[in-house]
């Protein structure tokens, strides 16, 4: 009788250990998949950040052009906005 109980305990312990191992392996595989998905998303977002930083840099370069004195003077003349003591030019008219 003692051997039968011992066998049942060994078999029960082995089954419990195998089930625990299977559950842990399934959980581990799920975590690896989740980490892979998150890493792919991080790479996509990093690429988007680099793209937007390039757009910002290009925009800043264009902004410097539009803030330059020559561009402002040209825009003022085209819109017929003249400052104090500016030479007045009237398109199609007499100066």
C-alpha atoms as a PDB file:
ATOM      1  CA  UNK A   1       0.000   0.000   0.000  1.00  0.00           C
ATOM      2  CA  UNK A   2       2.857   2.350   0.744  1.00  0.00           C
ATOM      3  CA  UNK A   3       4.309   1.774  -2.715  1.00  0.00           C
ATOM      4  CA  UNK A   4       0.940   2.561  -4.376  1.00  0.00           C
ATOM      5  CA  UNK A   5       0.654   5.889  -2.517  1.00  0.00           C
ATOM      6  CA  UNK A   6       4.269   6.692  -3.360  1.00  0.00           C
ATOM      7  CA  UNK A   7       3.622   5.962  -7.049  1.00  0.00           C
ATOM      8  CA  UNK A   8       0.478   8.155  -7.050  1.00  0.00           C
ATOM      9  CA  UNK A   9       2.394  11.019  -5.432  1.00  0.00           C
ATOM     10  CA  UNK A  10       5.245  10.740  -7.949  1.00  0.00           C
ATOM     11  CA  UNK A  11       2.832  10.565 -10.899  1.00  0.00           C
ATOM     12  CA  UNK A  12       0.764  13.462  -9.527  1.00  0.00           C
ATOM     13  CA  UNK A  13       3.881  15.584  -8.945  1.00  0.00           C
ATOM     14  CA  UNK A  14       5.173  14.813 -12.420  1.00  0.00           C
ATOM     15  CA  UNK A  15       1.835  15.717 -14.044  1.00  0.00           C
ATOM     16  CA  UNK A  16       1.670  18.964 -12.042  1.00  0.00           C
ATOM     17  CA  UNK A  17       5.245  19.869 -13.018  1.00  0.00           C
ATOM     18  CA  UNK A  18       4.593  19.133 -16.698  1.00  0.00           C
ATOM     19  CA  UNK A  19       1.366  21.173 -16.680  1.00  0.00           C
ATOM     20  CA  UNK A  20       3.148  24.072 -14.972  1.00  0.00           C
ATOM     21  CA  UNK A  21       5.954  23.863 -17.524  1.00  0.00           C
ATOM     22  CA  UNK A  22       3.479  23.856 -20.437  1.00  0.00           C
ATOM     23  CA  UNK A  23       1.604  26.867 -19.010  1.00  0.00           C
ATOM     24  CA  UNK A  24       4.868  28.768 -18.507  1.00  0.00           C
ATOM     25  CA  UNK A  25       6.050  27.966 -22.048  1.00  0.00           C
ATOM     26  CA  UNK A  26       2.738  29.169 -23.535  1.00  0.00           C
ATOM     27  CA  UNK A  27       2.945  32.359 -21.450  1.00  0.00           C
ATOM     28  CA  UNK A  28       6.581  32.886 -22.517  1.00  0.00           C
ATOM     29  CA  UNK A  29       5.713  32.477 -26.214  1.00  0.00           C
ATOM     30  CA  UNK A  30       2.858  34.958 -25.810  1.00  0.00           C
ATOM     31  CA  UNK A  31       5.219  37.471 -24.226  1.00  0.00           C
ATOM     32  CA  UNK A  32       7.754  37.038 -27.050  1.00  0.00           C
ATOM     33  CA  UNK A  33       5.042  37.732 -29.616  1.00  0.00           C
ATOM     34  CA  UNK A  34       3.903  40.795 -27.668  1.00  0.00           C
ATOM     35  CA  UNK A  35       7.469  42.102 -27.428  1.00  0.00           C
ATOM     36  CA  UNK A  36       7.957  41.593 -31.175  1.00  0.00           C
ATOM     37  CA  UNK A  37       4.788  43.540 -31.966  1.00  0.00           C
ATOM     38  CA  UNK A  38       5.797  46.386 -29.652  1.00  0.00           C
ATOM     39  CA  UNK A  39       9.324  46.518 -31.113  1.00  0.00           C
ATOM     40  CA  UNK A  40       7.883  46.720 -34.635  1.00  0.00           C
ATOM     41  CA  UNK A  41       5.596  49.567 -33.516  1.00  0.00           C
ATOM     42  CA  UNK A  42       8.574  51.353 -31.914  1.00  0.00           C
ATOM     43  CA  UNK A  43      10.509  51.072 -35.190  1.00  0.00           C
ATOM     44  CA  UNK A  44       7.548  52.498 -37.136  1.00  0.00           C
ATOM     45  CA  UNK A  45       7.204  55.403 -34.721  1.00  0.00           C
ATOM     46  CA  UNK A  46      10.953  56.075 -34.806  1.00  0.00           C
ATOM     47  CA  UNK A  47      10.787  56.240 -38.606  1.00  0.00           C
ATOM     48  CA  UNK A  48       7.839  58.649 -38.397  1.00  0.00           C
ATOM     49  CA  UNK A  49       9.709  60.827 -35.900  1.00  0.00           C
ATOM     50  CA  UNK A  50      12.707  61.004 -38.243  1.00  0.00           C
ATOM     51  CA  UNK A  51      10.405  61.899 -41.142  1.00  0.00           C
ATOM     52  CA  UNK A  52       8.696  64.652 -39.154  1.00  0.00           C
ATOM     53  CA  UNK A  53      12.038  66.017 -37.950  1.00  0.00           C
ATOM     54  CA  UNK A  54      13.122  66.233 -41.596  1.00  0.00           C
ATOM     55  CA  UNK A  55       9.901  68.075 -42.425  1.00  0.00           C
ATOM     56  CA  UNK A  56      10.472  70.461 -39.514  1.00  0.00           C
ATOM     57  CA  UNK A  57      14.050  71.126 -40.657  1.00  0.00           C
ATOM     58  CA  UNK A  58      12.882  71.796 -44.215  1.00  0.00           C
ATOM     59  CA  UNK A  59      10.139  74.057 -42.912  1.00  0.00           C
ATOM     60  CA  UNK A  60      12.627  75.976 -40.782  1.00  0.00           C
ATOM     61  CA  UNK A  61      14.840  76.506 -43.839  1.00  0.00           C
ATOM     62  CA  UNK A  62      11.843  77.773 -45.805  1.00  0.00           C
ATOM     63  CA  UNK A  63      10.839  79.951 -42.860  1.00  0.00           C
ATOM     64  CA  UNK A  64      14.262  81.606 -42.863  1.00  0.00           C
ATOM     65  CA  UNK A  65      13.810  82.417 -46.543  1.00  0.00           C
ATOM     66  CA  UNK A  66      10.399  83.937 -45.910  1.00  0.00           C
ATOM     67  CA  UNK A  67      11.727  85.958 -42.970  1.00  0.00           C
ATOM     68  CA  UNK A  68      14.596  87.419 -44.990  1.00  0.00           C
ATOM     69  CA  UNK A  69      14.521  91.138 -45.712  1.00  0.00           C
ATOM     70  CA  UNK A  70      14.507  90.746 -49.488  1.00  0.00           C
ATOM     71  CA  UNK A  71      11.510  88.427 -49.390  1.00  0.00           C
ATOM     72  CA  UNK A  72       9.624  90.759 -47.057  1.00  0.00           C
ATOM     73  CA  UNK A  73      10.342  93.765 -49.272  1.00  0.00           C
ATOM     74  CA  UNK A  74       9.204  91.882 -52.368  1.00  0.00           C
ATOM     75  CA  UNK A  75       6.017  90.765 -50.618  1.00  0.00           C
ATOM     76  CA  UNK A  76       5.362  94.328 -49.419  1.00  0.00           C
ATOM     77  CA  UNK A  77       5.745  95.674 -52.949  1.00  0.00           C
ATOM     78  CA  UNK A  78       3.465  93.012 -54.401  1.00  0.00           C
ATOM     79  CA  UNK A  79       0.805  93.727 -51.794  1.00  0.00           C
ATOM     80  CA  UNK A  80       1.369  97.474 -52.175  1.00  0.00           C
ATOM     81  CA  UNK A  81       2.270  97.866 -48.524  1.00  0.00           C
ATOM     82  CA  UNK A  82       4.730 100.716 -48.221  1.00  0.00           C
ATOM     83  CA  UNK A  83       6.495 101.934 -45.118  1.00  0.00           C
ATOM     84  CA  UNK A  84       7.316 105.484 -44.105  1.00  0.00           C
ATOM     85  CA  UNK A  85       9.804 107.142 -46.475  1.00  0.00           C
ATOM     86  CA  UNK A  86       9.629 104.269 -48.961  1.00  0.00           C
ATOM     87  CA  UNK A  87       9.801 104.995 -52.642  1.00  0.00           C
ATOM     88  CA  UNK A  88       6.287 104.665 -53.910  1.00  0.00           C
ATOM     89  CA  UNK A  89       5.739 102.612 -57.003  1.00  0.00           C
ATOM     90  CA  UNK A  90       2.273 102.326 -58.381  1.00  0.00           C
ATOM     91  CA  UNK A  91       1.934  99.536 -60.916  1.00  0.00           C
ATOM     92  CA  UNK A  92       0.683 100.996 -64.185  1.00  0.00           C
ATOM     93  CA  UNK A  93       0.791 104.539 -62.799  1.00  0.00           C
ATOM     94  CA  UNK A  94       3.173 107.439 -62.511  1.00  0.00           C
ATOM     95  CA  UNK A  95       5.878 107.448 -59.902  1.00  0.00           C
END
